[in-house]
Protein backbone atom coordinates (compact mmCIF):
# COMPACT_ATOMS: atom_id res chain seq x y z
CA UNK A 1 0.00 0.00 0.00
CA UNK A 2 1.58 3.26 -1.17
CA UNK A 3 -1.12 5.66 0.08
CA UNK A 4 -4.31 5.21 2.11
CA UNK A 5 -6.70 7.05 -0.19
CA UNK A 6 -9.59 4.67 -0.90
CA UNK A 7 -10.60 1.02 -0.65
CA UNK A 8 -8.75 0.45 -3.91
CA UNK A 9 -5.52 1.48 -2.17
CA UNK A 10 -5.67 -1.67 -0.04
CA UNK A 11 -4.58 -5.03 -1.42
CA UNK A 12 -6.42 -7.06 1.25
CA UNK A 13 -9.19 -5.30 3.16
CA UNK A 14 -9.94 -8.27 5.42
CA UNK A 15 -6.26 -8.45 6.43
CA UNK A 16 -6.31 -4.74 7.28
CA UNK A 17 -9.41 -5.27 9.46
CA UNK A 18 -7.59 -8.17 11.15
CA UNK A 19 -4.60 -5.94 11.82
CA UNK A 20 -6.79 -3.23 13.35
CA UNK A 21 -8.51 -5.74 15.62
CA UNK A 22 -5.14 -7.10 16.75
CA UNK A 23 -3.95 -3.58 17.53
CA UNK A 24 -7.12 -2.97 19.51
CA UNK A 25 -6.25 -5.85 21.83
CA UNK A 26 -2.76 -4.39 22.39
CA UNK A 27 -2.25 -0.91 20.89
CA UNK A 28 1.43 -0.84 21.84
CA UNK A 29 2.39 -4.29 20.55
CA UNK A 30 4.46 -2.95 17.65
CA UNK A 31 6.87 -0.07 18.25
CA UNK A 32 8.94 -0.60 15.10
CA UNK A 33 8.14 2.95 13.94
CA UNK A 34 8.95 4.61 17.24
CA UNK A 35 10.43 8.07 16.80
CA UNK A 36 8.97 8.64 13.33
CA UNK A 37 6.76 11.65 12.63
CA UNK A 38 3.22 12.02 11.35
CA UNK A 39 2.22 15.48 10.09
CA UNK A 40 -1.56 15.98 10.08
CA UNK A 41 -2.93 18.86 8.01
CA UNK A 42 -6.50 20.00 8.61
CA UNK A 43 -8.02 22.33 6.04
CA UNK A 44 -11.36 21.77 7.81
CA UNK A 45 -12.42 21.27 11.44
CA UNK A 46 -12.43 17.88 13.09
CA UNK A 47 -13.01 16.15 16.41
CA UNK A 48 -12.83 12.34 16.00
CA UNK A 49 -10.43 12.35 13.04
CA UNK A 50 -7.98 14.74 14.65
CA UNK A 51 -7.83 13.09 18.05
CA UNK A 52 -8.04 9.49 16.85
CA UNK A 53 -5.27 9.88 14.26
CA UNK A 54 -2.99 11.67 16.68
CA UNK A 55 -3.60 8.94 19.27
CA UNK A 56 -3.00 6.26 16.63
CA UNK A 57 0.41 7.74 15.81
CA UNK A 58 1.28 7.99 19.49
CA UNK A 59 0.26 4.35 20.05
CA UNK A 60 2.90 3.45 17.45
CA UNK A 61 5.50 5.48 19.35
CA UNK A 62 5.45 8.25 16.75
CA UNK A 63 5.43 12.02 17.10
CA UNK A 64 2.30 13.72 15.77
CA UNK A 65 2.40 17.30 14.50
CA UNK A 66 -1.02 18.80 13.80
CA UNK A 67 -1.54 21.95 11.75
CA UNK A 68 -4.66 23.93 10.92
CA UNK A 69 -3.72 24.43 7.30
CA UNK A 70 -6.67 26.72 6.63
CA UNK A 71 -5.41 29.32 9.11
CA UNK A 72 -2.19 30.13 7.28
CA UNK A 73 -1.76 31.60 3.83
CA UNK A 74 -3.72 30.26 0.89
CA UNK A 75 -2.12 27.48 -1.15
CA UNK A 76 -2.12 27.36 -4.93
CA UNK A 77 -3.42 24.05 -6.31
CA UNK A 78 -3.24 24.62 -10.08
CA UNK A 79 -0.19 23.53 -12.05
CA UNK A 80 1.35 26.33 -14.09
CA UNK A 81 -0.47 29.04 -12.14
CA UNK A 82 0.90 32.59 -12.27
CA UNK A 83 0.79 33.39 -8.56
CA UNK A 84 0.10 37.12 -8.65
CA UNK A 85 -3.04 37.06 -6.53
CA UNK A 86 -3.97 35.74 -3.06
CA UNK A 87 -2.07 32.43 -3.00
CA UNK A 88 1.36 32.47 -1.35
CA UNK A 89 2.68 28.90 -1.65
CA UNK A 90 2.16 26.23 -4.27
CA UNK A 91 1.04 22.84 -3.05
CA UNK A 92 3.90 21.17 -4.95
CA UNK A 93 6.38 23.13 -2.83
CA UNK A 94 4.48 22.59 0.42
CA UNK A 95 4.19 18.84 -0.21
CA UNK A 96 7.92 18.51 -0.81
CA UNK A 97 8.83 20.57 2.25
CA UNK A 98 6.48 18.63 4.52
CA UNK A 99 8.02 15.42 3.21
CA UNK A 100 11.33 16.55 4.74
CA UNK A 101 9.67 16.76 8.16
CA UNK A 102 7.33 13.77 8.05
CA UNK A 103 7.41 10.01 7.56
CA UNK A 104 3.69 10.03 6.79
CA UNK A 105 1.25 12.87 6.15
CA UNK A 106 -2.49 12.95 6.85
CA UNK A 107 -4.78 15.45 5.12
CA UNK A 108 -8.38 16.51 5.66
CA UNK A 109 -9.94 18.73 2.98
CA UNK A 110 -13.67 19.16 2.39
CA UNK A 111 -15.46 19.98 -0.89
CA UNK A 112 -16.83 23.41 -1.75
CA UNK A 113 -20.14 21.83 -2.87
CA UNK A 114 -20.39 24.34 -5.71
CA UNK A 115 -18.41 22.83 -8.59
CA UNK A 116 -18.95 19.07 -8.83
CA UNK A 117 -16.23 18.42 -11.39
CA UNK A 118 -13.68 20.31 -9.30
CA UNK A 119 -14.67 18.57 -6.08
CA UNK A 120 -14.65 15.12 -7.65
CA UNK A 121 -11.15 15.68 -9.00
CA UNK A 122 -10.12 15.68 -5.31
CA UNK A 123 -7.33 18.10 -6.14
CA UNK A 124 -5.72 18.47 -2.71
CA UNK A 125 -5.32 14.72 -2.19
CA UNK A 126 -4.07 14.00 -5.68
CA UNK A 127 -1.64 16.91 -5.61
CA UNK A 128 -0.11 15.64 -2.37
CA UNK A 129 0.10 12.10 -3.69
CA UNK A 130 1.80 13.45 -6.80
CA UNK A 131 4.37 15.70 -5.12
CA UNK A 132 4.91 14.32 -1.62
CA UNK A 133 7.81 11.97 -1.03
CA UNK A 134 6.11 10.15 1.86
CA UNK A 135 2.83 8.20 2.01
CA UNK A 136 -0.51 9.94 2.49
CA UNK A 137 -3.47 9.09 4.72
CA UNK A 138 -6.79 10.47 3.52
CA UNK A 139 -8.41 11.92 6.66
CA UNK A 140 -11.51 12.84 4.60
CA UNK A 141 -11.38 14.37 1.19
CA UNK A 142 -13.95 16.02 -1.04
CA UNK A 143 -15.35 12.62 -1.98
CA UNK A 144 -13.98 9.91 0.35
CA UNK A 145 -13.42 9.14 4.05
CA UNK A 146 -11.54 5.82 4.21
CA UNK A 147 -10.55 6.09 7.89
CA UNK A 148 -14.23 6.20 8.82
CA UNK A 149 -15.11 3.37 6.45
CA UNK A 150 -12.39 1.10 7.79
CA UNK A 151 -13.64 1.79 11.32
CA UNK A 152 -17.14 0.89 10.13
CA UNK A 153 -15.97 -2.48 8.79
CA UNK A 154 -14.11 -3.15 12.04
CA UNK A 155 -17.30 -2.42 13.98
CA UNK A 156 -19.42 -4.70 11.79
CA UNK A 157 -16.87 -7.49 12.13
CA UNK A 158 -16.92 -7.13 15.93
CA UNK A 159 -20.70 -7.24 16.20
CA UNK A 160 -21.91 -9.52 13.41
CA UNK A 161 -23.46 -12.89 14.20
CA UNK A 162 -23.18 -14.12 10.61
CA UNK A 163 -20.80 -13.51 7.73
CA UNK A 164 -23.35 -12.10 5.27
CA UNK A 165 -25.54 -9.33 6.65
CA UNK A 166 -28.18 -7.07 5.17
CA UNK A 167 -26.74 -3.58 5.45
CA UNK A 168 -28.85 -0.52 4.64
CA UNK A 169 -27.38 2.89 3.89
CA UNK A 170 -30.17 5.34 4.64
CA UNK A 171 -30.35 9.05 3.88
CA UNK A 172 -31.78 11.21 6.67
CA UNK A 173 -32.74 14.90 6.78
CA UNK A 174 -30.35 17.66 7.78
CA UNK A 175 -30.66 21.47 7.75
CA UNK A 176 -27.30 21.99 6.03
CA UNK A 177 -25.89 20.80 2.72
CA UNK A 178 -23.41 18.05 3.56
CA UNK A 179 -20.74 16.31 1.43
CA UNK A 180 -21.12 12.84 -0.04
CA UNK A 181 -17.73 11.63 1.20
CA UNK A 182 -18.85 9.36 4.06
CA UNK A 183 -21.63 7.77 2.01
CA UNK A 184 -19.40 7.32 -1.06
CA UNK A 185 -16.67 5.82 1.04
CA UNK A 186 -18.95 3.45 2.95
CA UNK A 187 -20.18 2.11 -0.39
CA UNK A 188 -16.59 1.94 -1.66
CA UNK A 189 -15.66 -0.38 1.21
CA UNK A 190 -18.83 -2.35 2.04
CA UNK A 191 -19.35 -3.44 -1.56
CA UNK A 192 -15.99 -5.23 -1.37
CA UNK A 193 -17.32 -7.47 1.42
CA UNK A 194 -19.81 -10.34 1.29
CA UNK A 195 -22.65 -8.29 2.77
CA UNK A 196 -25.92 -7.51 1.00
CA UNK A 197 -26.34 -3.76 0.53
CA UNK A 198 -29.46 -1.65 0.03
CA UNK A 199 -29.41 2.13 -0.40
CA UNK A 200 -32.52 4.11 0.49
CA UNK A 201 -33.16 7.81 -0.05
CA UNK A 202 -35.74 10.18 -1.56
CA UNK A 203 -35.69 10.53 -5.32
CA UNK A 204 -33.14 13.11 -6.40
CA UNK A 205 -30.52 12.03 -3.87
CA UNK A 206 -28.90 9.36 -6.04
CA UNK A 207 -25.16 9.16 -5.43
CA UNK A 208 -22.45 8.94 -8.07
CA UNK A 209 -22.86 5.73 -10.09
CA UNK A 210 -19.16 5.09 -9.56
CA UNK A 211 -20.09 4.07 -6.00
CA UNK A 212 -23.63 2.71 -6.46
CA UNK A 213 -23.08 0.51 -9.51
CA UNK A 214 -24.59 -2.90 -8.84
CA UNK A 215 -26.27 -1.78 -5.60
CA UNK A 216 -29.98 -2.08 -4.86
CA UNK A 217 -31.67 1.33 -4.51
CA UNK A 218 -35.02 1.35 -2.71
CA UNK A 219 -36.98 4.61 -2.46
CA UNK A 220 -39.35 3.16 0.15
CA UNK A 221 -37.40 3.48 3.40
CA UNK A 222 -39.67 1.14 5.37
CA UNK A 223 -39.33 -1.58 2.74
CA UNK A 224 -35.55 -1.15 2.72
CA UNK A 225 -35.39 -1.59 6.50
CA UNK A 226 -37.26 -4.91 6.51
CA UNK A 227 -34.99 -7.65 7.87
CA UNK A 228 -31.90 -5.41 7.97
CA UNK A 229 -29.04 -6.32 10.30
CA UNK A 230 -27.36 -2.90 10.15
CA UNK A 231 -28.75 0.56 9.45
CA UNK A 232 -26.02 3.03 8.48
CA UNK A 233 -27.49 6.52 8.44
CA UNK A 234 -26.03 9.63 6.84
CA UNK A 235 -27.27 12.78 5.21
CA UNK A 236 -25.82 13.89 1.90
CA UNK A 237 -26.65 16.72 -0.48
CA UNK A 238 -27.68 16.08 -4.07
CA UNK A 239 -25.09 14.77 -6.52
CA UNK A 240 -27.09 15.49 -9.66
CA UNK A 241 -28.28 18.94 -8.53
CA UNK A 242 -24.90 19.30 -6.95
CA UNK A 243 -24.62 20.46 -3.36
CA UNK A 244 -28.31 21.32 -3.08
CA UNK A 245 -30.83 20.40 -0.38
CA UNK A 246 -33.82 19.06 -2.31
CA UNK A 247 -35.95 18.45 0.77
CA UNK A 248 -35.75 18.08 4.55
CA UNK A 249 -38.54 15.52 4.85
CA UNK A 250 -38.76 14.78 8.57
CA UNK A 251 -40.42 11.43 7.87
CA UNK A 252 -36.97 10.10 6.87
CA UNK A 253 -35.58 10.56 10.41
CA UNK A 254 -34.56 7.26 12.00
CA UNK A 255 -37.04 6.35 14.73
CA UNK A 256 -37.56 3.28 16.89
CA UNK A 257 -40.65 2.37 14.87
CA UNK A 258 -38.41 2.11 11.80
CA UNK A 259 -35.75 0.13 13.65
CA UNK A 260 -38.50 -2.29 14.72
CA UNK A 261 -38.82 -3.27 11.05
CA UNK A 262 -35.27 -4.62 11.08
CA UNK A 263 -33.82 -7.93 12.25
CA UNK A 264 -32.97 -6.43 15.65
CA UNK A 265 -30.73 -4.21 13.56
CA UNK A 266 -27.77 -2.22 14.80
CA UNK A 267 -27.72 1.55 14.26
CA UNK A 268 -24.57 3.17 12.84
CA UNK A 269 -23.59 6.79 12.19
CA UNK A 270 -20.19 8.43 11.72
CA UNK A 271 -20.93 11.39 14.07
CA UNK A 272 -21.42 14.26 14.63
CA UNK A 273 -25.17 13.79 14.43
CA UNK A 274 -28.11 16.14 14.88
CA UNK A 275 -30.24 14.38 17.45
CA UNK A 276 -33.99 14.33 16.81
CA UNK A 277 -33.36 15.55 13.26
CA UNK A 278 -31.33 12.68 11.79
CA UNK A 279 -32.14 10.13 14.50
CA UNK A 280 -34.20 10.10 17.67
CA UNK A 281 -32.59 9.96 21.10
CA UNK A 282 -34.32 6.63 21.67
CA UNK A 283 -32.43 5.02 18.80
CA UNK A 284 -29.00 6.55 19.24
CA UNK A 285 -28.99 5.89 23.00
CA UNK A 286 -30.28 2.32 22.65
CA UNK A 287 -28.31 -0.88 23.23
CA UNK A 288 -28.32 -1.44 19.48
CA UNK A 289 -26.50 1.81 18.75
CA UNK A 290 -22.89 1.33 17.66
CA UNK A 291 -21.93 4.98 17.19
CA UNK A 292 -19.47 5.17 20.07
CA UNK A 293 -17.90 1.84 19.18
CA UNK A 294 -17.41 3.20 15.66
CA UNK A 295 -15.80 6.33 17.11
CA UNK A 296 -13.44 4.26 19.27
CA UNK A 297 -12.47 2.14 16.29
CA UNK A 298 -11.32 5.24 14.44
CA UNK A 299 -8.11 4.98 16.49
CA UNK A 300 -7.33 1.42 15.38
CA UNK A 301 -8.36 2.08 11.78
CA UNK A 302 -5.87 4.95 11.58
CA UNK A 303 -3.23 2.96 13.46
CA UNK A 304 -3.56 -0.01 11.11
CA UNK A 305 -3.40 2.27 8.06
CA UNK A 306 -0.32 4.19 9.26
CA UNK A 307 1.48 1.02 10.31
CA UNK A 308 0.76 -0.65 6.97
CA UNK A 309 2.00 2.36 5.02
CA UNK A 310 5.25 2.61 6.95
CA UNK A 311 5.78 -1.17 6.86
CA UNK A 312 4.87 -1.29 3.16
CA UNK A 313 2.40 -4.10 3.84
CA UNK A 314 -1.23 -4.93 2.94
């Protein structure tokens, strides 16, 4: 594995899940990278990603340097740009400089949700992978969030009672326009497992076919929930009418009545979540809620990814 950018970056996803679970039993078992440095650049705010990745590096005996990259000068992303305006440093220079300080670099950079083509080019991530001399960990890009998705697979593995489960990815309402990264990424990873997947959302919220190809899409949420083992809930803005909120239909909120349609299904969400908008308190605080287990597993997902990159394994 040269970079941890998407599910396609990983040669053996099940082996990476196994590694994460082993690290969870003893986070300090392997100190072969002790003294190395992880530089974590955040162009956007974070709670779980920032803390979990820093802790993951520390568990490996590494130093973690965290920088709010959006609080410094603006970086130029375009090759061949004439930098006469408000950008002060080109990303190709920054990537090379950071490579002199770091053994691995993590980057978080959200989409603008205005220009779909630009966002889906994932310019920040691809520029760093092009110019950096050390491996990259995608800490959530314009279109993908592999650290979250790996944590999700770890959580399903820990809690499943059978190898093939019915997993439902359900849209839920939200007052703000949100990216598609978590939903895209969950599909990117879960479709490479043996699980059955159903996607449910109102019409108009279809995701990029790159991620939904071959998946079952059911516009009737109640029908989709029938017999489900896992309900993964996330809001996303429109892909076709890019970045727009087409509706905030409260009837799509996850309630206990809907969870009662499932096969004693587990509730999953990446957090943060708007309680009683996306999901009721009754559901998220129930014994079947896995949200805090998912959050904990973010540490071991990041630790497994960093270790694999530095060891040039998986």
